[in-house]
Amino acid sequence: MVRNAAWVRRRVVILIPVVWAVIATTSHAQGPLAPEPSPLTPGNWPRLHLPDPVANRVARQALDLAWERLDKIDCADVLNAFRDGAGRPLDERLRELAVDRQTYLTMLVFIDGSRETPCLKGSFAFTAPGSRVVRICAEELKRTWQSSPEQVISRIIHEMLHTLGLGENPPSSAEITRRVIAACGGR
């Protein structure tokens, strides 16, 4: 079937904006033309997986602030104040990994643990000593953020300490958070 030139021109004129829209959307979302934020800056949390959009936004803000706090000398001291199960300072684990505190935070995976027992019992977040996966309880995260963003930031750092090997009881969860707030709290 032969098409006339006018018919082809009409189709091309209609398709050009559609093709440009697809190219722009694709390159913005995932293509090589889209600039990626550096993994060592706040705002880039590729390992944050919370499907609740509000909890995800809150977690990003809290992670950004925790990242900034970890750069403070006083906050660095909290890594030497706590020990892993073998009695070594947590800072020693970072040296073994050849990363600084802020880089280590970007290496952690944050997932939704809302359906798991600790969340159902009211926990904020939980992990196992030495695991790099932190389970966030989305509803508690949002509730706590509304009343005390400082608590959320401190609890993120608290969970980071567990991922470096810190156990609990002793010290108690409340004691860990208290010491994190004292060393890393916003002033």
Protein backbone atom coordinates (compact mmCIF):
# COMPACT_ATOMS: atom_id res chain seq x y z
CA MET A 1 0.00 0.00 0.00
CA VAL A 2 1.44 3.34 -1.04
CA ARG A 3 0.98 6.38 1.20
CA ASN A 4 1.09 9.89 -0.09
CA ALA A 5 3.63 12.44 1.21
CA ALA A 6 1.03 14.53 3.10
CA TRP A 7 -0.13 11.49 5.09
CA VAL A 8 3.50 10.62 6.07
CA ARG A 9 4.25 14.25 7.09
CA ARG A 10 1.18 14.36 9.36
CA ARG A 11 2.24 11.14 11.09
CA VAL A 12 5.84 12.33 11.55
CA VAL A 13 4.71 15.69 12.96
CA ILE A 14 2.51 13.85 15.47
CA LEU A 15 5.21 11.35 16.47
CA ILE A 16 8.13 13.75 16.97
CA PRO A 17 6.86 15.25 20.28
CA VAL A 18 5.99 11.76 21.54
CA VAL A 19 9.49 10.44 20.75
CA TRP A 20 11.11 13.46 22.46
CA ALA A 21 8.95 12.98 25.55
CA VAL A 22 9.95 9.31 25.78
CA ILE A 23 13.64 10.16 25.36
CA ALA A 24 13.50 12.90 27.99
CA THR A 25 11.64 10.71 30.49
CA THR A 26 13.96 7.75 29.96
CA SER A 27 17.19 9.72 30.22
CA HIS A 28 15.92 11.59 33.28
CA ALA A 29 14.90 8.41 35.09
CA GLN A 30 17.75 6.07 34.29
CA GLY A 31 19.82 6.98 31.27
CA PRO A 32 23.48 7.87 31.03
CA LEU A 33 22.64 11.54 30.49
CA ALA A 34 21.09 11.84 33.94
CA PRO A 35 23.62 13.10 36.48
CA GLU A 36 23.87 10.83 39.50
CA PRO A 37 24.57 12.38 42.89
CA SER A 38 27.82 11.28 44.43
CA PRO A 39 27.42 8.38 46.85
CA LEU A 40 29.27 10.47 49.43
CA THR A 41 26.76 13.26 49.64
CA PRO A 42 23.45 13.49 51.43
CA GLY A 43 20.40 12.90 49.30
CA ASN A 44 21.67 9.81 47.55
CA TRP A 45 20.36 6.75 49.35
CA PRO A 46 20.17 3.99 46.71
CA ARG A 47 19.87 1.32 49.42
CA LEU A 48 16.78 2.86 51.04
CA HIS A 49 13.73 0.74 50.21
CA LEU A 50 10.61 2.01 51.96
CA PRO A 51 7.50 1.79 49.78
CA ASP A 52 5.53 4.26 51.92
CA PRO A 53 6.31 7.62 50.25
CA VAL A 54 6.03 9.63 53.48
CA ALA A 55 8.25 7.23 55.42
CA ASN A 56 10.72 7.23 52.52
CA ARG A 57 10.92 11.04 52.51
CA VAL A 58 11.31 11.17 56.30
CA ALA A 59 14.01 8.48 56.21
CA ARG A 60 15.91 10.40 53.49
CA GLN A 61 15.83 13.58 55.57
CA ALA A 62 16.94 11.72 58.70
CA LEU A 63 19.73 9.92 56.81
CA ASP A 64 20.94 13.24 55.39
CA LEU A 65 21.10 14.73 58.88
CA ALA A 66 22.71 11.62 60.37
CA TRP A 67 25.31 11.74 57.58
CA GLU A 68 26.11 15.36 58.50
CA ARG A 69 26.30 14.55 62.23
CA LEU A 70 28.71 11.66 61.63
CA ASP A 71 31.25 14.17 60.33
CA LYS A 72 31.49 15.81 63.77
CA ILE A 73 34.46 14.85 65.97
CA ASP A 74 32.24 14.36 69.04
CA CYS A 75 30.09 11.95 67.08
CA ALA A 76 33.19 10.03 65.99
CA ASP A 77 33.97 9.43 69.64
CA VAL A 78 30.79 7.38 70.08
CA LEU A 79 32.35 4.70 67.86
CA ASN A 80 35.21 4.35 70.32
CA ALA A 81 32.89 4.40 73.32
CA PHE A 82 31.15 1.17 72.28
CA ARG A 83 32.63 -2.27 71.63
CA ASP A 84 31.62 -5.22 69.49
CA GLY A 85 31.10 -8.76 70.79
CA ALA A 86 34.86 -9.41 70.70
CA GLY A 87 35.57 -6.31 72.82
CA ARG A 88 36.98 -4.21 69.96
CA PRO A 89 36.01 -0.54 69.49
CA LEU A 90 33.50 -0.13 66.67
CA ASP A 91 35.84 2.33 64.96
CA GLU A 92 38.24 -0.59 64.42
CA ARG A 93 35.65 -2.27 62.20
CA LEU A 94 35.52 0.84 60.00
CA ARG A 95 39.31 0.76 59.67
CA GLU A 96 39.10 -2.91 58.61
CA LEU A 97 36.60 -1.92 55.93
CA ALA A 98 38.76 1.07 54.93
CA VAL A 99 35.81 3.49 55.04
CA ASP A 100 34.88 6.52 57.09
CA ARG A 101 31.70 6.87 59.16
CA GLN A 102 29.75 8.70 56.50
CA THR A 103 30.68 6.28 53.72
CA TYR A 104 29.73 3.36 55.92
CA LEU A 105 26.26 4.84 56.47
CA THR A 106 25.77 4.90 52.67
CA MET A 107 26.66 1.18 52.56
CA LEU A 108 23.76 0.16 54.79
CA VAL A 109 20.54 -1.21 53.36
CA PHE A 110 17.32 0.16 54.86
CA ILE A 111 14.18 -1.89 54.22
CA ASP A 112 10.62 -1.89 55.46
CA GLY A 113 10.20 -4.16 58.46
CA SER A 114 6.68 -2.99 59.26
CA ARG A 115 5.15 -6.46 59.13
CA GLU A 116 7.74 -8.05 61.38
CA THR A 117 7.24 -8.69 65.10
CA PRO A 118 9.52 -5.93 66.50
CA CYS A 119 7.63 -3.32 64.48
CA LEU A 120 4.28 -4.74 65.48
CA LYS A 121 5.41 -4.40 69.12
CA GLY A 122 6.32 -0.71 68.66
CA SER A 123 10.02 -0.72 67.74
CA PHE A 124 11.49 2.08 65.66
CA ALA A 125 14.00 -0.06 63.75
CA PHE A 126 16.02 -3.22 64.25
CA THR A 127 18.96 -5.18 62.91
CA ALA A 128 21.30 -7.93 64.03
CA PRO A 129 24.83 -7.10 65.23
CA GLY A 130 27.12 -7.17 62.20
CA SER A 131 24.32 -7.17 59.60
CA ARG A 132 24.23 -4.33 57.09
CA VAL A 133 20.46 -4.56 56.74
CA VAL A 134 18.37 -2.28 58.96
CA ARG A 135 14.64 -2.82 59.10
CA ILE A 136 12.67 0.39 59.58
CA CYS A 137 9.21 0.44 61.16
CA ALA A 138 7.52 2.98 58.88
CA GLU A 139 4.64 4.01 61.16
CA GLU A 140 6.91 4.51 64.19
CA LEU A 141 9.41 6.42 62.02
CA LYS A 142 6.70 8.85 60.93
CA ARG A 143 5.26 9.22 64.45
CA THR A 144 8.67 9.83 66.01
CA TRP A 145 9.71 12.30 63.28
CA GLN A 146 6.65 14.45 64.02
CA SER A 147 7.43 14.69 67.71
CA SER A 148 11.23 14.55 67.72
CA PRO A 149 13.36 14.53 64.56
CA GLU A 150 16.40 14.44 66.87
CA GLN A 151 15.31 11.02 68.16
CA VAL A 152 15.01 9.69 64.60
CA ILE A 153 18.49 10.90 63.64
CA SER A 154 19.98 9.43 66.81
CA ARG A 155 18.21 6.12 66.34
CA ILE A 156 19.54 5.83 62.79
CA ILE A 157 23.07 6.26 64.16
CA HIS A 158 22.15 3.83 66.97
CA GLU A 159 21.22 1.18 64.37
CA MET A 160 24.43 1.90 62.47
CA LEU A 161 26.35 1.02 65.63
CA HIS A 162 24.60 -2.35 65.74
CA THR A 163 25.58 -3.01 62.12
CA LEU A 164 29.19 -2.51 63.20
CA GLY A 165 28.79 -5.27 65.79
CA LEU A 166 27.38 -3.58 68.90
CA GLY A 167 25.12 -5.90 70.86
CA GLU A 168 22.39 -4.84 73.25
CA ASN A 169 21.64 -5.48 76.92
CA PRO A 170 24.14 -4.38 78.03
CA PRO A 171 24.11 -1.59 77.07
CA SER A 172 20.36 -1.06 76.93
CA SER A 173 18.73 0.43 73.86
CA ALA A 174 17.89 3.57 75.85
CA GLU A 175 21.53 3.91 77.00
CA ILE A 176 22.84 3.58 73.44
CA THR A 177 20.43 6.24 72.16
CA ARG A 178 21.20 8.54 75.12
CA ARG A 179 24.94 8.36 74.40
CA VAL A 180 24.39 8.91 70.68
CA ILE A 181 22.30 12.02 71.42
CA ALA A 182 24.98 13.30 73.81
CA ALA A 183 27.76 12.82 71.24
CA CYS A 184 25.97 13.45 67.95
CA GLY A 185 22.95 15.59 68.83
CA GLY A 186 22.29 18.85 67.06
CA ARG A 187 23.32 21.86 69.05
